[in-house]
């Protein structure tokens, strides 16, 4: 009987610690950057080219417009991904857009909300993309999971931007 009490006590303690993570770290923020050896207008065009998104966004399937004019401020779209055989839909809203300079978007799912900013500039003779992201889980369980996954979430963005760099540098399409 003592073993059951101790086991339940340990489990309860772990659950409390897990939930406390979400209260202590309710949001996860990170920044990533890449530089490419292509002109800024071409790099921007490749990043915005829906036909090339599957080359740098892992699992990307398609984008469907929900409202507004696609690619403009206020446009809302559903972005479809294949996540290990499961379809995942993320609602994207373009908050601001300055062509060849920056784009701010919000992404929403049942699990989390994300504010995402992508800027592009010439730095040291190279075209540099910088992304800034803040994610917030929807609910205490989601917040706790996000706090535990913060390293892997940033690693995914680093991977996406590395793939974007490769996609831009091998681009031969004239825009």
Foldseek 3Di string as FASTA:
>chain_A
DVVVVVVVVVVVVVVVVLLVLCVVQQKFKDKDKDWAQDDLLLLLCLVVDQVNLCQQQPQWDHKAWDDDDPPAAQTWIWTWGQDVNDIDTKIKGWHDDDRSFKTWIWIDDLFKIKTKIWGWDQDPNTIMIMMMMMMGTDDSNSSSVCSVCNVVVVVSVNRSVVSSNVSSRVDDDDD
